[in-house]
Amino acid sequence: MQDEWQWVEAIVPQMVAKLTTRFRVLQAVERLQPVGRRTLAYHLACTERTVRTTTDALANLGFIQMTVKGMQITPAGQRVVAGLHPVIDTLAGRHQQEQALARQLGIAHCTLVPGDSSLPSGTLTGLAQATKRVLADQLPIGASTIAVMGGHTLAAVAAGLTPALSTQRQLLFVPARGGIGEAPEIQANAVSAQMAQRTNGQFRALYVPEQLNTATYKSLFAEPAIHDVLQLIAHSNVVIHGIGEASAMAKRRNMAPDVVADLNAAHAVGEAFGYFFDAAGHVVRKFPPIGLDIADLAAKPLVIAVAGGSEKGAAIQAYMHLAPAQTWLITDQGAADFVLKK
């Protein structure tokens, strides 16, 4: 495809540049809507004149509409963004980079979005929109039980979902693990509940703290309400989870100073599903699970890991030593550059 576009550019100079610019503007309107021209120009790092010319053309084509609150994308514009993604990705060489990233990490698929969410100017919106597209493409028709982890990234994903995801689907969202004790808005219960609400799906809660001793866990398993939800989690066919940076996760969960010291001494770089691991993927600390375990992921048809930012690059790379081969990683350029330069 890359070679064919070189011939297109030869016969119609600047066509590729114009196509890419219009796509970037349309995609940014979708991400930031409702949005004004000045804000759009700032986020795209281009002039207001360029934005004005491009948005006028897109409005004349019926892909965006001007409102008193700002520009918004139309349904036709949304279809154009979805349809042009493969073309634009190929033009940018992103597809080849996604394949290289998947090969290096030893997993099935990678979806790469521009930017670095670790930067002060970075956002999680690109990761959220990419996750929405992957779910729309990969979720089977009919009933699915989707187990969801917590965290800021997954909360952003939840906020970006829409009822369109439930077209011809019956979706049940459940928290992948217990997680009471973290900030309420990023607990797995809250994230999965928001996903259900945003998609008009169903939801079941699991009100269990993560950090309890083994004896307490065993007694909780016998509780009928908890047992029923755990059965739903165990039989889920889709898992969506994040990957955390070890030090940030230890702080977020208010771990005791001696535990933090042990993690530092063991050179822990990342965390997922209650496992803390070093750069080689060796587990250095594991907290008793209530819900999904990493070992359970091998049996899940669709496992989506969402994590980005150069600061998480080491954690993402390390976790992939533990991840099942069918994992679909959704990440950004900041994290990809960290991994691919190794």
Protein backbone atom coordinates (compact mmCIF):
# COMPACT_ATOMS: atom_id res chain seq x y z
CA MET A 1 0.00 0.00 0.00
CA GLN A 2 2.88 2.35 0.81
CA ASP A 3 4.26 1.97 -2.74
CA GLU A 4 0.88 2.64 -4.36
CA TRP A 5 0.54 5.93 -2.46
CA GLN A 6 3.92 7.04 -3.78
CA TRP A 7 2.45 6.86 -7.32
CA VAL A 8 -0.66 8.74 -6.19
CA GLU A 9 1.55 11.47 -4.77
CA ALA A 10 3.53 11.60 -8.02
CA ILE A 11 0.46 12.30 -10.19
CA VAL A 12 -1.40 14.48 -7.66
CA PRO A 13 1.25 16.33 -5.62
CA GLN A 14 0.30 17.20 -2.03
CA MET A 15 -2.67 14.81 -2.08
CA VAL A 16 -1.25 12.62 0.69
CA ALA A 17 -0.40 15.67 2.79
CA LYS A 18 -3.92 17.07 2.37
CA LEU A 19 -5.51 13.70 3.17
CA THR A 20 -3.38 13.29 6.29
CA THR A 21 -4.13 16.83 7.48
CA ARG A 22 -7.87 16.43 7.02
CA PHE A 23 -7.82 13.09 8.82
CA ARG A 24 -5.82 14.50 11.75
CA VAL A 25 -8.21 17.43 12.11
CA LEU A 26 -11.30 15.22 11.86
CA GLN A 27 -9.86 12.76 14.39
CA ALA A 28 -9.00 15.61 16.76
CA VAL A 29 -12.53 17.02 16.51
CA GLU A 30 -13.87 13.57 17.43
CA ARG A 31 -11.51 13.40 20.40
CA LEU A 32 -11.96 16.92 21.75
CA GLN A 33 -15.54 17.83 20.74
CA PRO A 34 -17.12 20.27 21.16
CA VAL A 35 -14.00 22.24 20.29
CA GLY A 36 -13.10 25.66 18.89
CA ARG A 37 -10.54 26.38 16.19
CA ARG A 38 -7.99 27.91 18.55
CA THR A 39 -8.01 24.91 20.88
CA LEU A 40 -7.84 22.56 17.90
CA ALA A 41 -4.85 24.42 16.47
CA TYR A 42 -3.09 24.23 19.85
CA HIS A 43 -3.57 20.46 20.19
CA LEU A 44 -2.50 19.83 16.59
CA ALA A 45 0.45 22.25 16.81
CA CYS A 46 -0.58 24.02 13.62
CA THR A 47 -1.86 27.46 12.62
CA GLU A 48 -5.44 28.62 13.04
CA ARG A 49 -5.46 29.38 9.32
CA THR A 50 -4.77 25.73 8.51
CA VAL A 51 -7.46 24.62 10.93
CA ARG A 52 -9.96 27.11 9.48
CA THR A 53 -9.34 26.02 5.89
CA THR A 54 -9.51 22.33 6.76
CA THR A 55 -12.58 22.50 9.01
CA ASP A 56 -14.46 24.58 6.43
CA ALA A 57 -13.78 21.88 3.85
CA LEU A 58 -14.84 19.11 6.26
CA ALA A 59 -18.02 21.01 7.15
CA ASN A 60 -18.90 21.42 3.46
CA LEU A 61 -18.49 17.66 3.04
CA GLY A 62 -20.82 17.03 5.97
CA PHE A 63 -18.21 15.46 8.24
CA ILE A 64 -18.32 18.06 10.99
CA GLN A 65 -20.92 20.55 12.15
CA MET A 66 -20.46 23.99 13.69
CA THR A 67 -22.39 24.67 16.90
CA VAL A 68 -22.39 27.47 19.45
CA LYS A 69 -20.37 25.23 21.76
CA GLY A 70 -17.82 24.39 19.10
CA MET A 71 -17.22 21.91 16.28
CA GLN A 72 -18.56 18.37 16.53
CA ILE A 73 -18.15 15.34 14.31
CA THR A 74 -21.18 13.99 12.45
CA PRO A 75 -22.06 10.29 12.05
CA ALA A 76 -20.70 10.48 8.50
CA GLY A 77 -17.46 11.90 9.89
CA GLN A 78 -17.21 9.08 12.40
CA ARG A 79 -17.54 6.56 9.58
CA VAL A 80 -14.79 8.33 7.64
CA VAL A 81 -12.44 8.26 10.65
CA ALA A 82 -13.07 4.54 11.16
CA GLY A 83 -12.71 3.73 7.46
CA LEU A 84 -9.56 5.78 6.91
CA HIS A 85 -7.66 4.48 9.96
CA PRO A 86 -5.99 1.58 8.08
CA VAL A 87 -5.03 3.87 5.18
CA ILE A 88 -3.56 6.57 7.41
CA ASP A 89 -1.78 4.04 9.60
CA THR A 90 -0.15 2.53 6.53
CA LEU A 91 0.88 5.93 5.27
CA ALA A 92 2.52 6.68 8.58
CA GLY A 93 4.18 3.28 8.76
CA ARG A 94 2.34 2.62 11.99
CA HIS A 95 1.08 -0.78 10.97
CA GLN A 96 4.63 -1.98 10.38
CA GLN A 97 5.64 -0.60 13.76
CA GLU A 98 2.70 -2.36 15.43
CA GLN A 99 3.80 -5.64 13.90
CA ALA A 100 7.39 -5.09 15.02
CA LEU A 101 6.21 -4.29 18.54
CA ALA A 102 4.03 -7.41 18.70
CA ARG A 103 6.91 -9.58 17.49
CA GLN A 104 9.34 -8.13 20.00
CA LEU A 105 6.89 -8.57 22.88
CA GLY A 106 5.82 -12.05 21.77
CA ILE A 107 2.09 -11.32 21.63
CA ALA A 108 -0.63 -11.51 18.98
CA HIS A 109 -1.51 -7.88 18.31
CA CYS A 110 -0.55 -4.30 19.07
CA THR A 111 -2.51 -1.13 18.37
CA LEU A 112 -0.38 2.01 18.48
CA VAL A 113 -1.66 5.56 18.92
CA PRO A 114 0.31 8.81 18.56
CA GLY A 115 1.72 10.72 21.53
CA ASP A 116 3.16 9.99 24.95
CA SER A 117 0.60 9.91 27.75
CA SER A 118 3.39 10.33 30.34
CA LEU A 119 4.07 13.89 29.21
CA PRO A 120 2.36 16.83 30.94
CA SER A 121 0.55 17.55 27.67
CA GLY A 122 -0.33 13.89 27.12
CA THR A 123 -3.81 12.43 27.49
CA LEU A 124 -5.39 8.99 27.69
CA THR A 125 -7.98 9.85 25.07
CA GLY A 126 -6.12 8.20 22.19
CA LEU A 127 -5.79 4.95 24.13
CA ALA A 128 -9.48 5.09 25.05
CA GLN A 129 -10.60 5.67 21.45
CA ALA A 130 -8.35 2.88 20.17
CA THR A 131 -9.73 0.49 22.79
CA LYS A 132 -13.27 1.36 21.72
CA ARG A 133 -12.40 0.54 18.10
CA VAL A 134 -10.75 -2.77 19.00
CA LEU A 135 -13.75 -3.79 21.12
CA ALA A 136 -16.16 -2.85 18.31
CA ASP A 137 -14.15 -5.00 15.88
CA GLN A 138 -13.32 -7.96 18.12
CA LEU A 139 -16.24 -8.49 20.52
CA PRO A 140 -18.35 -11.42 19.32
CA ILE A 141 -21.99 -11.02 18.40
CA GLY A 142 -24.28 -12.21 21.18
CA ALA A 143 -23.56 -12.50 24.89
CA SER A 144 -20.19 -11.63 26.43
CA THR A 145 -19.02 -11.36 30.02
CA ILE A 146 -16.26 -8.76 30.22
CA ALA A 147 -13.95 -8.74 33.25
CA VAL A 148 -12.42 -5.31 33.85
CA MET A 149 -9.54 -4.13 36.02
CA GLY A 150 -9.38 -0.68 37.62
CA GLY A 151 -7.02 2.27 37.23
CA HIS A 152 -6.90 5.68 35.58
CA THR A 153 -6.37 4.28 32.08
CA LEU A 154 -9.34 1.92 32.28
CA ALA A 155 -11.48 4.72 33.72
CA ALA A 156 -10.65 6.77 30.61
CA VAL A 157 -11.58 3.79 28.43
CA ALA A 158 -14.92 3.48 30.23
CA ALA A 159 -15.69 7.18 29.69
CA GLY A 160 -15.16 6.78 25.94
CA LEU A 161 -17.55 3.87 25.35
CA THR A 162 -20.97 4.33 23.74
CA PRO A 163 -24.21 2.33 23.35
CA ALA A 164 -23.14 1.42 19.79
CA LEU A 165 -20.92 -1.27 21.32
CA SER A 166 -24.04 -3.18 22.38
CA THR A 167 -25.48 -3.39 18.88
CA GLN A 168 -26.34 -7.10 18.42
CA ARG A 169 -24.53 -7.82 21.69
CA GLN A 170 -25.57 -8.51 25.27
CA LEU A 171 -22.75 -7.26 27.48
CA LEU A 172 -22.24 -8.06 31.15
CA PHE A 173 -19.39 -6.21 32.89
CA VAL A 174 -17.79 -7.53 36.07
CA PRO A 175 -14.73 -6.36 38.06
CA ALA A 176 -11.79 -8.68 37.37
CA ARG A 177 -10.61 -8.47 40.99
CA GLY A 178 -11.57 -7.01 44.32
CA GLY A 179 -10.21 -3.53 44.86
CA ILE A 180 -11.90 -1.65 47.69
CA GLY A 181 -9.37 0.68 49.30
CA GLU A 182 -8.27 2.56 46.18
CA ALA A 183 -9.74 5.88 45.07
CA PRO A 184 -13.43 5.12 44.45
CA GLU A 185 -13.53 6.41 40.87
CA ILE A 186 -10.78 4.06 39.65
CA GLN A 187 -11.77 0.89 41.49
CA ALA A 188 -12.61 -2.04 39.23
CA ASN A 189 -16.20 -1.94 40.47
CA ALA A 190 -16.59 1.72 39.45
CA VAL A 191 -14.88 1.24 36.08
CA SER A 192 -16.92 -1.81 35.10
CA ALA A 193 -20.12 -0.11 36.30
CA GLN A 194 -19.37 2.92 34.10
CA MET A 195 -18.67 0.66 31.13
CA ALA A 196 -22.06 -0.99 31.63
CA GLN A 197 -23.78 2.38 31.95
CA ARG A 198 -22.10 3.86 28.87
CA THR A 199 -22.97 0.84 26.69
CA ASN A 200 -26.43 0.09 28.14
CA GLY A 201 -25.00 -3.21 29.37
CA GLN A 202 -25.40 -5.08 32.65
CA PHE A 203 -23.11 -5.01 35.71
CA ARG A 204 -22.34 -7.09 38.80
CA ALA A 205 -20.22 -5.77 41.68
CA LEU A 206 -17.59 -7.50 43.81
CA TYR A 207 -17.21 -5.69 47.11
CA VAL A 208 -14.02 -7.24 48.46
CA PRO A 209 -10.73 -5.55 49.44
CA GLU A 210 -7.62 -6.76 47.60
CA GLN A 211 -5.16 -7.00 50.48
CA LEU A 212 -6.43 -9.61 52.93
CA ASN A 213 -4.81 -12.70 54.39
CA THR A 214 -5.42 -16.12 52.84
CA ALA A 215 -7.68 -17.34 55.66
CA THR A 216 -9.97 -14.36 55.27
CA TYR A 217 -10.16 -14.90 51.53
CA LYS A 218 -11.21 -18.52 51.97
CA SER A 219 -14.08 -17.52 54.25
CA LEU A 220 -15.21 -14.86 51.76
CA PHE A 221 -15.30 -17.37 48.92
CA ALA A 222 -18.09 -19.21 50.74
CA GLU A 223 -20.37 -16.16 50.79
CA PRO A 224 -23.11 -16.79 48.16
CA ALA A 225 -23.16 -13.23 46.79
CA ILE A 226 -19.38 -13.20 46.37
CA HIS A 227 -19.28 -16.77 45.06
CA ASP A 228 -21.83 -15.98 42.32
CA VAL A 229 -19.84 -13.00 41.04
CA LEU A 230 -16.59 -14.95 41.18
CA GLN A 231 -18.21 -17.59 38.99
CA LEU A 232 -19.14 -14.92 36.45
CA ILE A 233 -15.58 -13.60 36.52
CA ALA A 234 -14.14 -17.10 36.11
CA HIS A 235 -16.33 -17.73 33.05
CA SER A 236 -15.72 -14.34 31.39
CA ASN A 237 -14.69 -14.49 27.75
CA VAL A 238 -13.12 -11.01 27.56
CA VAL A 239 -10.63 -9.32 29.88
CA ILE A 240 -9.59 -5.65 29.75
CA HIS A 241 -6.75 -4.64 32.06
CA GLY A 242 -4.02 -2.09 32.61
CA ILE A 243 -0.35 -2.43 33.48
CA GLY A 244 1.00 -0.41 36.37
CA GLU A 245 4.38 1.02 37.25
CA ALA A 246 5.53 -0.73 40.45
CA SER A 247 6.33 2.34 42.55
CA ALA A 248 3.14 4.13 41.51
CA MET A 249 1.00 1.08 42.27
CA ALA A 250 2.60 0.58 45.69
CA LYS A 251 1.88 4.20 46.54
CA ARG A 252 -1.66 4.05 45.17
CA ARG A 253 -2.46 1.05 47.34
CA ASN A 254 -0.89 2.56 50.47
CA MET A 255 1.47 -0.36 50.97
CA ALA A 256 3.50 -0.55 54.16
CA PRO A 257 7.01 0.95 54.07
CA ASP A 258 8.65 -2.45 54.57
CA VAL A 259 6.75 -3.87 51.58
CA VAL A 260 7.79 -0.90 49.43
CA ALA A 261 11.39 -1.38 50.55
CA ASP A 262 11.22 -5.06 49.55
CA LEU A 263 9.85 -4.16 46.13
CA ASN A 264 12.63 -1.61 45.60
CA ALA A 265 15.27 -4.11 46.71
CA ALA A 266 13.88 -6.65 44.25
CA HIS A 267 13.98 -4.05 41.43
CA ALA A 268 10.25 -4.34 40.73
CA VAL A 269 9.26 -2.33 37.65
CA GLY A 270 5.62 -3.24 37.08
CA GLU A 271 2.38 -4.66 38.45
CA ALA A 272 -0.66 -6.45 37.04
CA PHE A 273 -3.32 -8.62 38.71
CA GLY A 274 -1.61 -8.29 42.09
CA TYR A 275 1.76 -9.50 40.75
CA PHE A 276 4.82 -7.26 41.09
CA PHE A 277 7.62 -8.21 38.69
CA ASP A 278 11.11 -7.13 37.66
CA ALA A 279 12.39 -6.18 34.21
CA ALA A 280 12.86 -9.84 33.23
CA GLY A 281 9.28 -10.70 34.16
CA HIS A 282 10.23 -12.53 37.36
CA VAL A 283 7.51 -12.22 40.00
CA VAL A 284 9.01 -10.63 43.11
CA ARG A 285 5.81 -10.24 45.13
CA LYS A 286 2.29 -11.61 44.77
CA PHE A 287 -0.80 -10.64 46.70
CA PRO A 288 -3.54 -13.23 47.24
CA PRO A 289 -6.07 -13.00 44.42
CA ILE A 290 -9.80 -12.72 44.67
CA GLY A 291 -10.93 -12.74 41.09
CA LEU A 292 -8.79 -13.30 38.02
CA ASP A 293 -5.19 -14.46 38.19
CA ILE A 294 -2.64 -14.03 35.41
CA ALA A 295 -2.71 -17.81 34.92
CA ASP A 296 -6.45 -17.59 34.13
CA LEU A 297 -5.85 -15.36 31.11
CA ALA A 298 -4.57 -18.17 28.90
CA ALA A 299 -8.12 -19.53 28.59
CA LYS A 300 -9.71 -16.19 27.64
CA PRO A 301 -10.42 -15.69 23.91
CA LEU A 302 -9.90 -11.92 24.03
CA VAL A 303 -7.42 -10.26 26.41
CA ILE A 304 -6.83 -6.54 25.95
CA ALA A 305 -4.02 -4.78 27.83
CA VAL A 306 -4.22 -0.98 27.75
CA ALA A 307 -1.17 0.98 28.90
CA GLY A 308 0.87 3.83 27.49
CA GLY A 309 3.50 6.44 28.19
CA SER A 310 7.28 6.26 28.18
CA GLU A 311 7.25 6.01 31.98
CA LYS A 312 5.40 2.70 31.69
CA GLY A 313 7.63 1.33 28.95
CA ALA A 314 9.65 -0.89 31.30
CA ALA A 315 6.52 -2.19 33.02
CA ILE A 316 4.82 -3.00 29.71
CA GLN A 317 7.89 -4.80 28.37
CA ALA A 318 8.36 -6.76 31.60
CA TYR A 319 4.70 -7.79 31.87
CA MET A 320 4.74 -9.31 28.39
CA HIS A 321 7.00 -12.08 29.75
CA LEU A 322 3.95 -13.14 31.79
CA ALA A 323 1.15 -12.27 29.35
CA PRO A 324 -0.72 -14.92 27.35
CA ALA A 325 0.21 -15.10 23.67
CA GLN A 326 -3.23 -13.90 22.52
CA THR A 327 -2.84 -10.55 24.33
CA TRP A 328 -3.84 -7.46 22.35
CA LEU A 329 -1.77 -4.50 23.58
CA ILE A 330 -3.09 -0.98 23.06
CA THR A 331 -0.31 1.52 23.71
CA ASP A 332 1.13 4.83 22.53
CA GLN A 333 4.22 6.00 20.71
CA GLY A 334 6.01 6.95 23.94
CA ALA A 335 5.89 3.39 25.28
CA ALA A 336 6.57 1.87 21.85
CA ASP A 337 9.73 3.94 21.38
CA PHE A 338 10.99 2.73 24.77
CA VAL A 339 10.44 -0.93 23.86
CA LEU A 340 11.66 -0.81 20.26
CA LYS A 341 14.91 1.00 21.08
CA LYS A 342 15.97 -1.84 23.35
